[in-house]
Amino acid sequence: MGRETREQILERYDTRSVAEIEAEQSSIPPSPDYVKDSDLLALINDGLPDLKVEKVVRRLYWRYLNDPIRETYRKFREAHKDVDAVGNSSTFADFQPTPEQAANMLRLIELNKASEAPDWLEIAELNRELGDMDAARNALSQITGEQQRLHLVVEKLIILNTRCPVRFNF
C-alpha cells in the first residue's frame, strides 16, 4: 500500500448528495452479467441489441425453462431405474413444451441456422424437444468433429422418440 495518486483521490471525490448519487446509480440498467433467470423473458421482450446477444439470452432462457422438467425427469428415472442392470432407464417422462418454450426454441433454431457457424447439435436437441425427429436427424447429419461423440447420445434419444429434456455429460 502506497500513497494514493492525485487521480485516485479525484476519482473517488464526489460533491453530489447521496440522494443524487443513488438516483444516478438506480437509473443505470443492470449489466447482462447479472440478469436473473426469471428476468430473461422481459429482456427478450424489451428487444436485444443484436442477434448474437439474442441467441445467448434465448439459450439461457431455454435452459431456465427446462430446469423444472429436469427434476421431474430425475424422479421418473428413480422410479424406473430397474429397467436395466446399471440403473439407467431407457424410458423418459412425458414432455410437451409449453407454447412459451416452443416459441423460444423455434426462434433459437432460426438464430442458430442464420449464424456463420450453426450449432447443429443444439439444433438437433431443440428439434428433438419440439418433437420433430426428422429435423433432428437432419441436423445430426451436419455434425462433424468434436461433437461426433454426442451425436450418438442424441441419436439414441431420437430413436427412442423422446422429447424430454435430458442432461448428459461427455
Foldseek 3Di string as FASTA:
>chain_A
DDDDDPVVVVVPDDPDDPVVVVVVVVPDDDDPVPDDLVCLVVVVVVPDDDLVVLLVSLVSNLVVQQVVLVVVFVVVLQVVQVCDDVRGDLDTDAAADDPVNLVSLVVNLVSQVPDPHRPLCSNLLSCLLNQNLVSSVVSLVPDDDPCVVVSVVSVSCSVSSHNRDDDDDD
